[in-house]
């Protein structure tokens, strides 16, 4: 347990950001999983819609600092390649 007042404050803010980041990571994984299942079912229309949603969650996470912007870009590229297999 921290002794300094500033360390105690950091403990509180770290916990808040941990919870917030966990929610964002969960949303990213869920969006990606839904997209991949649509691709596996060869449903191109639904996959395109879900791809837009996945891009949105990735961009929001990168903007908030949950993930690095290059990781978001890399994930988006991988998802686009995955969509190309359906067409």
PDB file of N, CA and C in Angstrom:
ATOM      1  N   UNK A   1       0.846  -1.181   0.000  1.00  0.00           N
ATOM      2  CA  UNK A   1       0.000   0.000   0.000  1.00  0.00           C
ATOM      3  C   UNK A   1       0.890   1.243   0.000  1.00  0.00           C
ATOM      4  N   UNK A   2       0.564   2.235  -0.807  1.00  0.00           N
ATOM      5  CA  UNK A   2       1.420   3.428  -0.882  1.00  0.00           C
ATOM      6  C   UNK A   2       1.338   4.274   0.389  1.00  0.00           C
ATOM      7  N   UNK A   3       2.435   4.960   0.661  1.00  0.00           N
ATOM      8  CA  UNK A   3       2.500   5.813   1.843  1.00  0.00           C
ATOM      9  C   UNK A   3       2.317   7.290   1.501  1.00  0.00           C
ATOM     10  N   UNK A   4       2.844   7.709   0.359  1.00  0.00           N
ATOM     11  CA  UNK A   4       2.776   9.118  -0.045  1.00  0.00           C
ATOM     12  C   UNK A   4       1.374   9.444  -0.570  1.00  0.00           C
ATOM     13  N   UNK A   5       0.984  10.690  -0.365  1.00  0.00           N
ATOM     14  CA  UNK A   5      -0.346  11.122  -0.799  1.00  0.00           C
ATOM     15  C   UNK A   5      -0.474  11.044  -2.323  1.00  0.00           C
ATOM     16  N   UNK A   6       0.587  11.446  -3.032  1.00  0.00           N
ATOM     17  CA  UNK A   6       0.542  11.404  -4.496  1.00  0.00           C
ATOM     18  C   UNK A   6       0.489   9.965  -5.007  1.00  0.00           C
ATOM     19  N   UNK A   7       1.159   9.050  -4.320  1.00  0.00           N
ATOM     20  CA  UNK A   7       1.135   7.637  -4.715  1.00  0.00           C
ATOM     21  C   UNK A   7      -0.253   7.049  -4.524  1.00  0.00           C
ATOM     22  N   UNK A   8      -0.946   7.497  -3.461  1.00  0.00           N
ATOM     23  CA  UNK A   8      -2.313   7.032  -3.238  1.00  0.00           C
ATOM     24  C   UNK A   8      -3.236   7.508  -4.353  1.00  0.00           C
ATOM     25  N   UNK A   9      -3.019   8.750  -4.786  1.00  0.00           N
ATOM     26  CA  UNK A   9      -3.824   9.288  -5.885  1.00  0.00           C
ATOM     27  C   UNK A   9      -3.554   8.518  -7.176  1.00  0.00           C
ATOM     28  N   UNK A  10      -2.281   8.215  -7.406  1.00  0.00           N
ATOM     29  CA  UNK A  10      -1.938   7.435  -8.601  1.00  0.00           C
ATOM     30  C   UNK A  10      -2.585   6.056  -8.571  1.00  0.00           C
ATOM     31  N   UNK A  11      -2.666   5.470  -7.414  1.00  0.00           N
ATOM     32  CA  UNK A  11      -3.307   4.165  -7.264  1.00  0.00           C
ATOM     33  C   UNK A  11      -4.774   4.235  -7.689  1.00  0.00           C
ATOM     34  N   UNK A  12      -5.453   5.303  -7.289  1.00  0.00           N
ATOM     35  CA  UNK A  12      -6.862   5.468  -7.639  1.00  0.00           C
ATOM     36  C   UNK A  12      -7.026   5.687  -9.137  1.00  0.00           C
ATOM     37  N   UNK A  13      -6.216   6.580  -9.720  1.00  0.00           N
ATOM     38  CA  UNK A  13      -6.349   6.868 -11.155  1.00  0.00           C
ATOM     39  C   UNK A  13      -5.928   5.675 -12.001  1.00  0.00           C
ATOM     40  N   UNK A  14      -4.921   4.934 -11.532  1.00  0.00           N
ATOM     41  CA  UNK A  14      -4.500   3.735 -12.266  1.00  0.00           C
ATOM     42  C   UNK A  14      -5.618   2.702 -12.320  1.00  0.00           C
ATOM     43  N   UNK A  15      -6.333   2.563 -11.229  1.00  0.00           N
ATOM     44  CA  UNK A  15      -7.451   1.609 -11.200  1.00  0.00           C
ATOM     45  C   UNK A  15      -8.568   2.038 -12.143  1.00  0.00           C
ATOM     46  N   UNK A  16      -8.854   3.339 -12.173  1.00  0.00           N
ATOM     47  CA  UNK A  16      -9.883   3.851 -13.086  1.00  0.00           C
ATOM     48  C   UNK A  16      -9.503   3.589 -14.537  1.00  0.00           C
ATOM     49  N   UNK A  17      -8.249   3.872 -14.881  1.00  0.00           N
ATOM     50  CA  UNK A  17      -7.824   3.671 -16.265  1.00  0.00           C
ATOM     51  C   UNK A  17      -7.752   2.184 -16.610  1.00  0.00           C
ATOM     52  N   UNK A  18      -7.410   1.351 -15.626  1.00  0.00           N
ATOM     53  CA  UNK A  18      -7.375  -0.096 -15.875  1.00  0.00           C
ATOM     54  C   UNK A  18      -8.760  -0.610 -16.243  1.00  0.00           C
ATOM     55  N   UNK A  19      -9.756  -0.181 -15.501  1.00  0.00           N
ATOM     56  CA  UNK A  19     -11.127  -0.611 -15.776  1.00  0.00           C
ATOM     57  C   UNK A  19     -11.594  -0.093 -17.134  1.00  0.00           C
ATOM     58  N   UNK A  20     -11.280   1.168 -17.420  1.00  0.00           N
ATOM     59  CA  UNK A  20     -11.681   1.771 -18.689  1.00  0.00           C
ATOM     60  C   UNK A  20     -11.005   1.067 -19.867  1.00  0.00           C
ATOM     61  N   UNK A  21      -9.711   0.796 -19.733  1.00  0.00           N
ATOM     62  CA  UNK A  21      -8.977   0.119 -20.805  1.00  0.00           C
ATOM     63  C   UNK A  21      -9.465  -1.313 -20.992  1.00  0.00           C
ATOM     64  N   UNK A  22      -9.818  -1.978 -19.907  1.00  0.00           N
ATOM     65  CA  UNK A  22     -10.311  -3.355 -20.010  1.00  0.00           C
ATOM     66  C   UNK A  22     -11.602  -3.390 -20.819  1.00  0.00           C
ATOM     67  N   UNK A  23     -12.477  -2.424 -20.585  1.00  0.00           N
ATOM     68  CA  UNK A  23     -13.718  -2.346 -21.348  1.00  0.00           C
ATOM     69  C   UNK A  23     -13.466  -2.116 -22.824  1.00  0.00           C
ATOM     70  N   UNK A  24     -12.521  -1.248 -23.131  1.00  0.00           N
ATOM     71  CA  UNK A  24     -12.196  -0.978 -24.532  1.00  0.00           C
ATOM     72  C   UNK A  24     -11.592  -2.204 -25.207  1.00  0.00           C
ATOM     73  N   UNK A  25     -10.683  -2.887 -24.500  1.00  0.00           N
ATOM     74  CA  UNK A  25     -10.071  -4.087 -25.079  1.00  0.00           C
ATOM     75  C   UNK A  25     -11.125  -5.171 -25.318  1.00  0.00           C
ATOM     76  N   UNK A  26     -12.057  -5.310 -24.394  1.00  0.00           N
ATOM     77  CA  UNK A  26     -13.128  -6.283 -24.559  1.00  0.00           C
ATOM     78  C   UNK A  26     -13.984  -5.948 -25.773  1.00  0.00           C
ATOM     79  N   UNK A  27     -14.293  -4.666 -25.944  1.00  0.00           N
ATOM     80  CA  UNK A  27     -15.092  -4.238 -27.093  1.00  0.00           C
ATOM     81  C   UNK A  27     -14.362  -4.516 -28.403  1.00  0.00           C
ATOM     82  N   UNK A  28     -13.046  -4.291 -28.411  1.00  0.00           N
ATOM     83  CA  UNK A  28     -12.261  -4.562 -29.621  1.00  0.00           C
ATOM     84  C   UNK A  28     -12.293  -6.044 -29.961  1.00  0.00           C
ATOM     85  N   UNK A  29     -12.062  -6.876 -28.953  1.00  0.00           N
ATOM     86  CA  UNK A  29     -12.039  -8.313 -29.191  1.00  0.00           C
ATOM     87  C   UNK A  29     -13.400  -8.823 -29.653  1.00  0.00           C
ATOM     88  N   UNK A  30     -14.467  -8.297 -29.069  1.00  0.00           N
ATOM     89  CA  UNK A  30     -15.816  -8.712 -29.453  1.00  0.00           C
ATOM     90  C   UNK A  30     -16.107  -8.321 -30.890  1.00  0.00           C
ATOM     91  N   UNK A  31     -15.751  -7.098 -31.270  1.00  0.00           N
ATOM     92  CA  UNK A  31     -15.994  -6.633 -32.635  1.00  0.00           C
ATOM     93  C   UNK A  31     -15.213  -7.477 -33.634  1.00  0.00           C
ATOM     94  N   UNK A  32     -13.972  -7.790 -33.298  1.00  0.00           N
ATOM     95  CA  UNK A  32     -13.148  -8.601 -34.190  1.00  0.00           C
ATOM     96  C   UNK A  32     -13.706 -10.019 -34.311  1.00  0.00           C
ATOM     97  N   UNK A  33     -14.160 -10.584 -33.206  1.00  0.00           N
ATOM     98  CA  UNK A  33     -14.692 -11.945 -33.216  1.00  0.00           C
ATOM     99  C   UNK A  33     -15.975 -12.024 -34.046  1.00  0.00           C
ATOM    100  N   UNK A  34     -16.857 -11.023 -33.897  1.00  0.00           N
ATOM    101  CA  UNK A  34     -18.086 -11.005 -34.685  1.00  0.00           C
ATOM    102  C   UNK A  34     -17.765 -10.907 -36.172  1.00  0.00           C
ATOM    103  N   UNK A  35     -16.789 -10.074 -36.511  1.00  0.00           N
ATOM    104  CA  UNK A  35     -16.391  -9.922 -37.905  1.00  0.00           C
ATOM    105  C   UNK A  35     -15.846 -11.235 -38.455  1.00  0.00           C
ATOM    106  N   UNK A  36     -14.972 -11.871 -37.709  1.00  0.00           N
ATOM    107  CA  UNK A  36     -14.368 -13.121 -38.192  1.00  0.00           C
ATOM    108  C   UNK A  36     -15.402 -14.246 -38.359  1.00  0.00           C
ATOM    109  N   UNK A  37     -16.390 -14.300 -37.481  1.00  0.00           N
ATOM    110  CA  UNK A  37     -17.427 -15.323 -37.647  1.00  0.00           C
ATOM    111  C   UNK A  37     -18.274 -15.035 -38.881  1.00  0.00           C
ATOM    112  N   UNK A  38     -18.522 -13.762 -39.182  1.00  0.00           N
ATOM    113  CA  UNK A  38     -19.266 -13.415 -40.399  1.00  0.00           C
ATOM    114  C   UNK A  38     -18.476 -13.799 -41.636  1.00  0.00           C
ATOM    115  N   UNK A  39     -17.166 -13.625 -41.590  1.00  0.00           N
ATOM    116  CA  UNK A  39     -16.316 -14.004 -42.731  1.00  0.00           C
ATOM    117  C   UNK A  39     -16.310 -15.517 -42.894  1.00  0.00           C
ATOM    118  N   UNK A  40     -16.239 -16.246 -41.793  1.00  0.00           N
ATOM    119  CA  UNK A  40     -16.229 -17.708 -41.872  1.00  0.00           C
ATOM    120  C   UNK A  40     -17.534 -18.248 -42.436  1.00  0.00           C
ATOM    121  N   UNK A  41     -18.636 -17.521 -42.204  1.00  0.00           N
ATOM    122  CA  UNK A  41     -19.931 -17.933 -42.740  1.00  0.00           C
ATOM    123  C   UNK A  41     -20.151 -17.419 -44.161  1.00  0.00           C
ATOM    124  N   UNK A  42     -19.143 -16.759 -44.734  1.00  0.00           N
ATOM    125  CA  UNK A  42     -19.196 -16.202 -46.088  1.00  0.00           C
ATOM    126  C   UNK A  42     -20.350 -15.219 -46.265  1.00  0.00           C
ATOM    127  N   UNK A  43     -20.630 -14.434 -45.249  1.00  0.00           N
ATOM    128  CA  UNK A  43     -21.662 -13.408 -45.314  1.00  0.00           C
ATOM    129  C   UNK A  43     -20.974 -12.064 -45.550  1.00  0.00           C
ATOM    130  N   UNK A  44     -20.794 -11.712 -46.817  1.00  0.00           N
ATOM    131  CA  UNK A  44     -20.015 -10.529 -47.186  1.00  0.00           C
ATOM    132  C   UNK A  44     -20.682  -9.235 -46.731  1.00  0.00           C
ATOM    133  N   UNK A  45     -21.996  -9.142 -46.866  1.00  0.00           N
ATOM    134  CA  UNK A  45     -22.686  -7.905 -46.494  1.00  0.00           C
ATOM    135  C   UNK A  45     -22.560  -7.626 -44.999  1.00  0.00           C
ATOM    136  N   UNK A  46     -22.811  -8.636 -44.203  1.00  0.00           N
ATOM    137  CA  UNK A  46     -22.711  -8.455 -42.758  1.00  0.00           C
ATOM    138  C   UNK A  46     -21.255  -8.211 -42.351  1.00  0.00           C
ATOM    139  N   UNK A  47     -20.324  -8.862 -43.028  1.00  0.00           N
ATOM    140  CA  UNK A  47     -18.909  -8.689 -42.705  1.00  0.00           C
ATOM    141  C   UNK A  47     -18.465  -7.250 -42.959  1.00  0.00           C
ATOM    142  N   UNK A  48     -18.969  -6.652 -44.032  1.00  0.00           N
ATOM    143  CA  UNK A  48     -18.610  -5.256 -44.323  1.00  0.00           C
ATOM    144  C   UNK A  48     -19.130  -4.321 -43.239  1.00  0.00           C
ATOM    145  N   UNK A  49     -20.352  -4.560 -42.782  1.00  0.00           N
ATOM    146  CA  UNK A  49     -20.919  -3.736 -41.713  1.00  0.00           C
ATOM    147  C   UNK A  49     -20.114  -3.896 -40.429  1.00  0.00           C
ATOM    148  N   UNK A  50     -19.783  -5.131 -40.105  1.00  0.00           N
ATOM    149  CA  UNK A  50     -19.036  -5.390 -38.882  1.00  0.00           C
ATOM    150  C   UNK A  50     -17.605  -4.865 -38.973  1.00  0.00           C
ATOM    151  N   UNK A  51     -17.065  -4.818 -40.188  1.00  0.00           N
ATOM    152  CA  UNK A  51     -15.724  -4.277 -40.377  1.00  0.00           C
ATOM    153  C   UNK A  51     -15.693  -2.795 -40.021  1.00  0.00           C
ATOM    154  N   UNK A  52     -16.731  -2.068 -40.403  1.00  0.00           N
ATOM    155  CA  UNK A  52     -16.816  -0.647 -40.069  1.00  0.00           C
ATOM    156  C   UNK A  52     -16.867  -0.460 -38.552  1.00  0.00           C
ATOM    157  N   UNK A  53     -17.645  -1.295 -37.890  1.00  0.00           N
ATOM    158  CA  UNK A  53     -17.726  -1.229 -36.429  1.00  0.00           C
ATOM    159  C   UNK A  53     -16.401  -1.568 -35.766  1.00  0.00           C
ATOM    160  N   UNK A  54     -15.701  -2.549 -36.310  1.00  0.00           N
ATOM    161  CA  UNK A  54     -14.404  -2.931 -35.757  1.00  0.00           C
ATOM    162  C   UNK A  54     -13.388  -1.804 -35.939  1.00  0.00           C
ATOM    163  N   UNK A  55     -13.421  -1.161 -37.095  1.00  0.00           N
ATOM    164  CA  UNK A  55     -12.530  -0.027 -37.343  1.00  0.00           C
ATOM    165  C   UNK A  55     -12.804   1.087 -36.343  1.00  0.00           C
ATOM    166  N   UNK A  56     -14.079   1.313 -36.075  1.00  0.00           N
ATOM    167  CA  UNK A  56     -14.457   2.377 -35.164  1.00  0.00           C
ATOM    168  C   UNK A  56     -13.923   2.116 -33.755  1.00  0.00           C
ATOM    169  N   UNK A  57     -14.080   0.887 -33.285  1.00  0.00           N
ATOM    170  CA  UNK A  57     -13.598   0.576 -31.938  1.00  0.00           C
ATOM    171  C   UNK A  57     -12.075   0.630 -31.873  1.00  0.00           C
ATOM    172  N   UNK A  58     -11.396   0.187 -32.935  1.00  0.00           N
ATOM    173  CA  UNK A  58      -9.934   0.245 -32.961  1.00  0.00           C
ATOM    174  C   UNK A  58      -9.450   1.690 -32.935  1.00  0.00           C
ATOM    175  N   UNK A  59     -10.082   2.543 -33.735  1.00  0.00           N
ATOM    176  CA  UNK A  59      -9.676   3.948 -33.775  1.00  0.00           C
ATOM    177  C   UNK A  59      -9.919   4.649 -32.443  1.00  0.00           C
ATOM    178  N   UNK A  60     -11.045   4.346 -31.815  1.00  0.00           N
ATOM    179  CA  UNK A  60     -11.338   4.951 -30.518  1.00  0.00           C
ATOM    180  C   UNK A  60     -10.318   4.495 -29.471  1.00  0.00           C
ATOM    181  N   UNK A  61      -9.965   3.231 -29.503  1.00  0.00           N
ATOM    182  CA  UNK A  61      -8.994   2.717 -28.533  1.00  0.00           C
ATOM    183  C   UNK A  61      -7.617   3.330 -28.748  1.00  0.00           C
ATOM    184  N   UNK A  62      -7.250   3.517 -30.009  1.00  0.00           N
ATOM    185  CA  UNK A  62      -5.957   4.126 -30.304  1.00  0.00           C
ATOM    186  C   UNK A  62      -5.951   5.596 -29.891  1.00  0.00           C
ATOM    187  N   UNK A  63      -7.043   6.282 -30.136  1.00  0.00           N
ATOM    188  CA  UNK A  63      -7.123   7.698 -29.769  1.00  0.00           C
ATOM    189  C   UNK A  63      -7.066   7.879 -28.257  1.00  0.00           C
ATOM    190  N   UNK A  64      -7.682   6.973 -27.529  1.00  0.00           N
ATOM    191  CA  UNK A  64      -7.707   7.065 -26.068  1.00  0.00           C
ATOM    192  C   UNK A  64      -6.392   6.606 -25.438  1.00  0.00           C
ATOM    193  N   UNK A  65      -5.539   5.920 -26.211  1.00  0.00           N
ATOM    194  CA  UNK A  65      -4.264   5.464 -25.680  1.00  0.00           C
ATOM    195  C   UNK A  65      -4.298   4.068 -25.107  1.00  0.00           C
ATOM    196  N   UNK A  66      -5.399   3.353 -25.310  1.00  0.00           N
ATOM    197  CA  UNK A  66      -5.472   1.979 -24.826  1.00  0.00           C
ATOM    198  C   UNK A  66      -4.501   1.094 -25.600  1.00  0.00           C
ATOM    199  N   UNK A  67      -4.443   1.295 -26.907  1.00  0.00           N
ATOM    200  CA  UNK A  67      -3.476   0.583 -27.746  1.00  0.00           C
ATOM    201  C   UNK A  67      -2.710   1.620 -28.552  1.00  0.00           C
ATOM    202  N   UNK A  68      -1.594   1.222 -29.107  1.00  0.00           N
ATOM    203  CA  UNK A  68      -0.780   2.115 -29.924  1.00  0.00           C
ATOM    204  C   UNK A  68      -1.433   2.299 -31.284  1.00  0.00           C
ATOM    205  N   UNK A  69      -1.238   3.444 -31.893  1.00  0.00           N
ATOM    206  CA  UNK A  69      -1.872   3.721 -33.175  1.00  0.00           C
ATOM    207  C   UNK A  69      -1.386   2.774 -34.265  1.00  0.00           C
ATOM    208  N   UNK A  70      -0.127   2.334 -34.173  1.00  0.00           N
ATOM    209  CA  UNK A  70       0.381   1.391 -35.169  1.00  0.00           C
ATOM    210  C   UNK A  70      -0.258   0.014 -35.016  1.00  0.00           C
ATOM    211  N   UNK A  71      -0.574  -0.362 -33.799  1.00  0.00           N
ATOM    212  CA  UNK A  71      -1.257  -1.635 -33.573  1.00  0.00           C
ATOM    213  C   UNK A  71      -2.660  -1.581 -34.159  1.00  0.00           C
ATOM    214  N   UNK A  72      -3.332  -0.453 -33.981  1.00  0.00           N
ATOM    215  CA  UNK A  72      -4.669  -0.294 -34.552  1.00  0.00           C
ATOM    216  C   UNK A  72      -4.602  -0.372 -36.076  1.00  0.00           C
ATOM    217  N   UNK A  73      -3.615   0.269 -36.646  1.00  0.00           N
ATOM    218  CA  UNK A  73      -3.441   0.246 -38.098  1.00  0.00           C
ATOM    219  C   UNK A  73      -3.158  -1.171 -38.589  1.00  0.00           C
ATOM    220  N   UNK A  74      -2.320  -1.888 -37.867  1.00  0.00           N
ATOM    221  CA  UNK A  74      -1.969  -3.258 -38.240  1.00  0.00           C
ATOM    222  C   UNK A  74      -3.192  -4.167 -38.163  1.00  0.00           C
ATOM    223  N   UNK A  75      -3.992  -4.008 -37.107  1.00  0.00           N
ATOM    224  CA  UNK A  75      -5.211  -4.815 -36.965  1.00  0.00           C
ATOM    225  C   UNK A  75      -6.191  -4.529 -38.095  1.00  0.00           C
ATOM    226  N   UNK A  76      -6.341  -3.254 -38.452  1.00  0.00           N
ATOM    227  CA  UNK A  76      -7.254  -2.878 -39.520  1.00  0.00           C
ATOM    228  C   UNK A  76      -6.812  -3.504 -40.838  1.00  0.00           C
ATOM    229  N   UNK A  77      -5.512  -3.507 -41.080  1.00  0.00           N
ATOM    230  CA  UNK A  77      -4.987  -4.114 -42.298  1.00  0.00           C
ATOM    231  C   UNK A  77      -5.258  -5.618 -42.322  1.00  0.00           C
ATOM    232  N   UNK A  78      -5.065  -6.273 -41.190  1.00  0.00           N
ATOM    233  CA  UNK A  78      -5.309  -7.711 -41.111  1.00  0.00           C
ATOM    234  C   UNK A  78      -6.782  -8.029 -41.349  1.00  0.00           C
ATOM    235  N   UNK A  79      -7.660  -7.207 -40.795  1.00  0.00           N
ATOM    236  CA  UNK A  79      -9.092  -7.445 -40.978  1.00  0.00           C
ATOM    237  C   UNK A  79      -9.503  -7.234 -42.436  1.00  0.00           C
ATOM    238  N   UNK A  80      -8.917  -6.238 -43.091  1.00  0.00           N
ATOM    239  CA  UNK A  80      -9.224  -6.011 -44.507  1.00  0.00           C
ATOM    240  C   UNK A  80      -8.781  -7.188 -45.358  1.00  0.00           C
ATOM    241  N   UNK A  81      -7.606  -7.724 -45.044  1.00  0.00           N
ATOM    242  CA  UNK A  81      -7.118  -8.896 -45.778  1.00  0.00           C
ATOM    243  C   UNK A  81      -8.053 -10.085 -45.564  1.00  0.00           C
ATOM    244  N   UNK A  82      -8.544 -10.205 -44.351  1.00  0.00           N
ATOM    245  CA  UNK A  82      -9.467 -11.299 -44.036  1.00  0.00           C
ATOM    246  C   UNK A  82     -10.767 -11.158 -44.817  1.00  0.00           C
ATOM    247  N   UNK A  83     -11.228  -9.922 -44.995  1.00  0.00           N
ATOM    248  CA  UNK A  83     -12.445  -9.670 -45.754  1.00  0.00           C
ATOM    249  C   UNK A  83     -12.248 -10.009 -47.223  1.00  0.00           C
ATOM    250  N   UNK A  84     -11.055  -9.808 -47.732  1.00  0.00           N
ATOM    251  CA  UNK A  84     -10.769 -10.077 -49.140  1.00  0.00           C
ATOM    252  C   UNK A  84     -10.898 -11.556 -49.480  1.00  0.00           C
ATOM    253  N   UNK A  85     -10.812 -12.421 -48.490  1.00  0.00           N
ATOM    254  CA  UNK A  85     -10.958 -13.844 -48.754  1.00  0.00           C
ATOM    255  C   UNK A  85     -12.397 -14.225 -49.056  1.00  0.00           C
ATOM    256  N   UNK A  86     -13.341 -13.382 -48.618  1.00  0.00           N
ATOM    257  CA  UNK A  86     -14.770 -13.680 -48.843  1.00  0.00           C
ATOM    258  C   UNK A  86     -15.178 -13.340 -50.259  1.00  0.00           C
ATOM    259  N   UNK A  87     -14.641 -12.264 -50.798  1.00  0.00           N
ATOM    260  CA  UNK A  87     -15.077 -11.772 -52.108  1.00  0.00           C
ATOM    261  C   UNK A  87     -14.770 -12.701 -53.248  1.00  0.00           C
TER     262      UNK A  87
END
